[in-house]
Amino acid sequence: KGERKSALKRLEKLSSSQNQSQIFIETPYRNNKMLEDICSALQPNTRVCVACDLTLSTEYIKTKMVSEWKKEKADLHKRPAIFIIHKDY
């Protein structure tokens, strides 16, 4: 658990220092936990995009600040998803 949060913080720092978006995936049954960890580990003004079920009728794509994700619960359990984070410098 601590390793994942440390890795997320490293990706956030890399995004900020290199002005790059960082794209990654997680095993679908761990997606909800991943989003929870993103919300608890990253800065409130970091942008996070969640895209799941791409090309399906249930497609879901949203980009919000971490502070906004904390207010919304998205059910990503067992849905193929990608996560994109971007931290402005």
N, C-alpha and C. Protein backbone atom coordinates (compact mmCIF):
# COMPACT_ATOMS: atom_id res chain seq x y z
N LYS A 1 0.83 -1.19 0.00
CA LYS A 1 0.00 0.00 0.00
C LYS A 1 0.87 1.25 0.00
N GLY A 2 1.86 1.30 0.88
CA GLY A 2 2.77 2.44 0.93
C GLY A 2 3.58 2.60 -0.34
N GLU A 3 3.93 1.48 -0.94
CA GLU A 3 4.71 1.51 -2.19
C GLU A 3 3.89 2.12 -3.33
N ARG A 4 2.62 1.79 -3.38
CA ARG A 4 1.78 2.34 -4.45
C ARG A 4 1.65 3.85 -4.29
N LYS A 5 1.44 4.33 -3.07
CA LYS A 5 1.32 5.76 -2.84
C LYS A 5 2.63 6.48 -3.14
N SER A 6 3.74 5.86 -2.80
CA SER A 6 5.05 6.44 -3.13
C SER A 6 5.24 6.51 -4.64
N ALA A 7 4.83 5.46 -5.34
CA ALA A 7 4.95 5.45 -6.80
C ALA A 7 4.06 6.53 -7.42
N LEU A 8 2.87 6.71 -6.88
CA LEU A 8 1.98 7.76 -7.38
C LEU A 8 2.59 9.14 -7.18
N LYS A 9 3.19 9.36 -6.02
CA LYS A 9 3.84 10.65 -5.75
C LYS A 9 5.02 10.88 -6.69
N ARG A 10 5.77 9.82 -6.99
CA ARG A 10 6.88 9.95 -7.95
C ARG A 10 6.35 10.31 -9.34
N LEU A 11 5.28 9.67 -9.75
CA LEU A 11 4.68 10.00 -11.06
C LEU A 11 4.18 11.44 -11.09
N GLU A 12 3.60 11.88 -10.00
CA GLU A 12 3.12 13.26 -9.91
C GLU A 12 4.29 14.25 -10.01
N LYS A 13 5.37 13.95 -9.32
CA LYS A 13 6.55 14.81 -9.36
C LYS A 13 7.15 14.83 -10.76
N LEU A 14 7.23 13.68 -11.40
CA LEU A 14 7.75 13.59 -12.76
C LEU A 14 6.85 14.38 -13.72
N SER A 15 5.56 14.26 -13.55
CA SER A 15 4.63 15.00 -14.39
C SER A 15 4.86 16.50 -14.27
N SER A 16 5.06 16.96 -13.05
CA SER A 16 5.28 18.39 -12.82
C SER A 16 6.62 18.86 -13.38
N SER A 17 7.67 18.12 -13.08
CA SER A 17 9.01 18.57 -13.48
C SER A 17 9.24 18.48 -14.99
N GLN A 18 8.61 17.52 -15.65
CA GLN A 18 8.80 17.32 -17.09
C GLN A 18 7.62 17.83 -17.93
N ASN A 19 6.59 18.37 -17.26
CA ASN A 19 5.37 18.80 -17.93
C ASN A 19 4.83 17.69 -18.83
N GLN A 20 4.67 16.51 -18.24
CA GLN A 20 4.19 15.32 -18.94
C GLN A 20 2.98 14.75 -18.23
N SER A 21 2.08 14.18 -18.97
CA SER A 21 1.01 13.39 -18.37
C SER A 21 1.53 11.97 -18.18
N GLN A 22 1.14 11.36 -17.09
CA GLN A 22 1.56 9.99 -16.78
C GLN A 22 0.34 9.08 -16.92
N ILE A 23 0.48 8.06 -17.75
CA ILE A 23 -0.63 7.16 -18.06
C ILE A 23 -0.30 5.77 -17.51
N PHE A 24 -1.27 5.16 -16.83
CA PHE A 24 -1.04 3.82 -16.29
C PHE A 24 -2.36 3.09 -16.13
N ILE A 25 -2.26 1.78 -15.92
CA ILE A 25 -3.42 0.94 -15.71
C ILE A 25 -3.24 0.17 -14.41
N GLU A 26 -4.32 -0.43 -13.96
CA GLU A 26 -4.31 -1.30 -12.78
C GLU A 26 -5.18 -2.50 -13.12
N THR A 27 -4.99 -3.58 -12.40
CA THR A 27 -5.85 -4.75 -12.57
C THR A 27 -7.29 -4.31 -12.30
N PRO A 28 -8.23 -4.64 -13.18
CA PRO A 28 -9.59 -4.11 -13.04
C PRO A 28 -10.24 -4.27 -11.67
N TYR A 29 -9.98 -5.35 -10.97
CA TYR A 29 -10.63 -5.50 -9.66
C TYR A 29 -10.02 -4.58 -8.59
N ARG A 30 -8.91 -3.92 -8.91
CA ARG A 30 -8.30 -2.98 -7.96
C ARG A 30 -8.50 -1.51 -8.36
N ASN A 31 -9.30 -1.24 -9.37
CA ASN A 31 -9.47 0.13 -9.85
C ASN A 31 -10.04 1.08 -8.79
N ASN A 32 -11.05 0.64 -8.05
CA ASN A 32 -11.62 1.51 -7.02
C ASN A 32 -10.58 1.88 -5.97
N LYS A 33 -9.79 0.92 -5.58
CA LYS A 33 -8.73 1.19 -4.59
C LYS A 33 -7.68 2.12 -5.18
N MET A 34 -7.37 1.95 -6.45
CA MET A 34 -6.41 2.84 -7.10
C MET A 34 -6.90 4.29 -7.05
N LEU A 35 -8.16 4.51 -7.38
CA LEU A 35 -8.69 5.87 -7.35
C LEU A 35 -8.67 6.43 -5.92
N GLU A 36 -8.96 5.60 -4.94
CA GLU A 36 -8.87 6.03 -3.54
C GLU A 36 -7.44 6.45 -3.20
N ASP A 37 -6.48 5.64 -3.60
CA ASP A 37 -5.08 5.94 -3.32
C ASP A 37 -4.62 7.21 -4.05
N ILE A 38 -5.07 7.40 -5.27
CA ILE A 38 -4.76 8.63 -6.00
C ILE A 38 -5.27 9.83 -5.21
N CYS A 39 -6.49 9.74 -4.73
CA CYS A 39 -7.09 10.86 -4.00
C CYS A 39 -6.40 11.13 -2.66
N SER A 40 -5.86 10.11 -2.05
CA SER A 40 -5.21 10.32 -0.76
C SER A 40 -3.72 10.67 -0.88
N ALA A 41 -3.10 10.31 -2.00
CA ALA A 41 -1.65 10.51 -2.13
C ALA A 41 -1.26 11.78 -2.88
N LEU A 42 -2.10 12.20 -3.82
CA LEU A 42 -1.70 13.30 -4.70
C LEU A 42 -2.22 14.65 -4.20
N GLN A 43 -1.61 15.71 -4.74
CA GLN A 43 -2.00 17.07 -4.38
C GLN A 43 -3.41 17.38 -4.88
N PRO A 44 -4.16 18.21 -4.15
CA PRO A 44 -5.54 18.51 -4.53
C PRO A 44 -5.71 19.12 -5.92
N ASN A 45 -4.68 19.83 -6.43
CA ASN A 45 -4.81 20.48 -7.73
C ASN A 45 -4.21 19.67 -8.88
N THR A 46 -3.86 18.43 -8.64
CA THR A 46 -3.39 17.54 -9.71
C THR A 46 -4.61 17.06 -10.50
N ARG A 47 -4.49 17.11 -11.82
CA ARG A 47 -5.58 16.63 -12.67
C ARG A 47 -5.50 15.11 -12.82
N VAL A 48 -6.65 14.47 -12.77
CA VAL A 48 -6.74 13.02 -12.93
C VAL A 48 -7.83 12.72 -13.94
N CYS A 49 -7.47 11.96 -14.96
CA CYS A 49 -8.45 11.48 -15.93
C CYS A 49 -8.64 9.99 -15.71
N VAL A 50 -9.88 9.58 -15.67
CA VAL A 50 -10.23 8.16 -15.58
C VAL A 50 -11.04 7.83 -16.82
N ALA A 51 -10.59 6.84 -17.57
CA ALA A 51 -11.30 6.40 -18.77
C ALA A 51 -11.50 4.89 -18.67
N CYS A 52 -12.75 4.48 -18.69
CA CYS A 52 -12.99 3.03 -18.62
C CYS A 52 -14.06 2.62 -19.62
N ASP A 53 -14.07 1.34 -19.90
CA ASP A 53 -15.00 0.75 -20.87
C ASP A 53 -14.95 1.47 -22.22
N LEU A 54 -13.75 1.81 -22.64
CA LEU A 54 -13.61 2.52 -23.91
C LEU A 54 -14.22 1.71 -25.05
N THR A 55 -14.92 2.37 -25.92
CA THR A 55 -15.62 1.85 -27.09
C THR A 55 -16.87 1.03 -26.75
N LEU A 56 -17.26 0.97 -25.49
CA LEU A 56 -18.48 0.25 -25.11
C LEU A 56 -19.61 1.25 -24.85
N SER A 57 -20.81 0.76 -24.76
CA SER A 57 -21.95 1.65 -24.48
C SER A 57 -21.87 2.23 -23.07
N THR A 58 -21.09 1.60 -22.21
CA THR A 58 -20.92 2.07 -20.82
C THR A 58 -19.67 2.94 -20.65
N GLU A 59 -19.11 3.41 -21.77
CA GLU A 59 -17.88 4.22 -21.73
C GLU A 59 -18.02 5.37 -20.73
N TYR A 60 -16.93 5.58 -19.98
CA TYR A 60 -16.91 6.62 -18.95
C TYR A 60 -15.55 7.30 -19.02
N ILE A 61 -15.54 8.60 -19.29
CA ILE A 61 -14.29 9.36 -19.35
C ILE A 61 -14.52 10.68 -18.62
N LYS A 62 -13.76 10.91 -17.55
CA LYS A 62 -13.87 12.16 -16.80
C LYS A 62 -12.48 12.61 -16.38
N THR A 63 -12.29 13.93 -16.43
CA THR A 63 -11.05 14.55 -15.94
C THR A 63 -11.45 15.57 -14.90
N LYS A 64 -10.83 15.44 -13.72
CA LYS A 64 -11.11 16.35 -12.61
C LYS A 64 -9.85 16.51 -11.78
N MET A 65 -9.86 17.54 -10.96
CA MET A 65 -8.80 17.72 -9.96
C MET A 65 -9.01 16.68 -8.87
N VAL A 66 -7.92 16.32 -8.20
CA VAL A 66 -8.02 15.36 -7.09
C VAL A 66 -9.07 15.81 -6.08
N SER A 67 -9.08 17.10 -5.78
CA SER A 67 -10.05 17.63 -4.81
C SER A 67 -11.49 17.35 -5.25
N GLU A 68 -11.75 17.35 -6.55
CA GLU A 68 -13.09 17.07 -7.05
C GLU A 68 -13.39 15.57 -7.03
N TRP A 69 -12.38 14.74 -7.32
CA TRP A 69 -12.58 13.29 -7.26
C TRP A 69 -12.93 12.84 -5.84
N LYS A 70 -12.40 13.52 -4.86
CA LYS A 70 -12.71 13.15 -3.46
C LYS A 70 -14.19 13.28 -3.16
N LYS A 71 -14.89 14.14 -3.89
CA LYS A 71 -16.31 14.38 -3.66
C LYS A 71 -17.21 13.44 -4.46
N GLU A 72 -16.65 12.76 -5.46
CA GLU A 72 -17.45 11.89 -6.33
C GLU A 72 -16.94 10.46 -6.24
N LYS A 73 -17.86 9.53 -6.11
CA LYS A 73 -17.49 8.13 -6.11
C LYS A 73 -17.83 7.52 -7.46
N ALA A 74 -16.84 6.99 -8.13
CA ALA A 74 -17.05 6.32 -9.41
C ALA A 74 -16.85 4.83 -9.20
N ASP A 75 -17.75 4.03 -9.71
CA ASP A 75 -17.61 2.58 -9.57
C ASP A 75 -16.86 2.03 -10.78
N LEU A 76 -15.60 1.71 -10.56
CA LEU A 76 -14.73 1.21 -11.62
C LEU A 76 -14.42 -0.28 -11.45
N HIS A 77 -15.05 -0.91 -10.49
CA HIS A 77 -14.73 -2.30 -10.15
C HIS A 77 -14.92 -3.23 -11.35
N LYS A 78 -13.86 -3.93 -11.67
CA LYS A 78 -13.82 -4.93 -12.75
C LYS A 78 -14.15 -4.34 -14.13
N ARG A 79 -13.88 -3.04 -14.29
CA ARG A 79 -14.07 -2.40 -15.60
C ARG A 79 -12.69 -2.00 -16.11
N PRO A 80 -12.32 -2.41 -17.32
CA PRO A 80 -11.01 -2.02 -17.86
C PRO A 80 -10.90 -0.49 -17.86
N ALA A 81 -9.81 0.02 -17.27
CA ALA A 81 -9.67 1.47 -17.14
C ALA A 81 -8.22 1.90 -17.31
N ILE A 82 -8.07 3.15 -17.72
CA ILE A 82 -6.75 3.78 -17.70
C ILE A 82 -6.85 5.02 -16.83
N PHE A 83 -5.74 5.35 -16.21
CA PHE A 83 -5.64 6.52 -15.36
C PHE A 83 -4.57 7.43 -15.95
N ILE A 84 -4.84 8.72 -15.95
CA ILE A 84 -3.87 9.71 -16.45
C ILE A 84 -3.79 10.80 -15.39
N ILE A 85 -2.56 11.11 -14.98
CA ILE A 85 -2.39 12.22 -14.03
C ILE A 85 -1.50 13.28 -14.66
N HIS A 86 -1.81 14.52 -14.32
CA HIS A 86 -0.99 15.65 -14.79
C HIS A 86 -0.95 16.72 -13.72
N LYS A 87 0.25 17.09 -13.35
CA LYS A 87 0.47 18.13 -12.34
C LYS A 87 1.17 19.27 -13.01
N ASP A 88 0.53 20.45 -13.04
CA ASP A 88 1.18 21.63 -13.59
C ASP A 88 2.33 22.06 -12.69
N TYR A 89 3.34 22.66 -13.29
CA TYR A 89 4.46 23.13 -12.49
C TYR A 89 4.31 24.58 -12.15
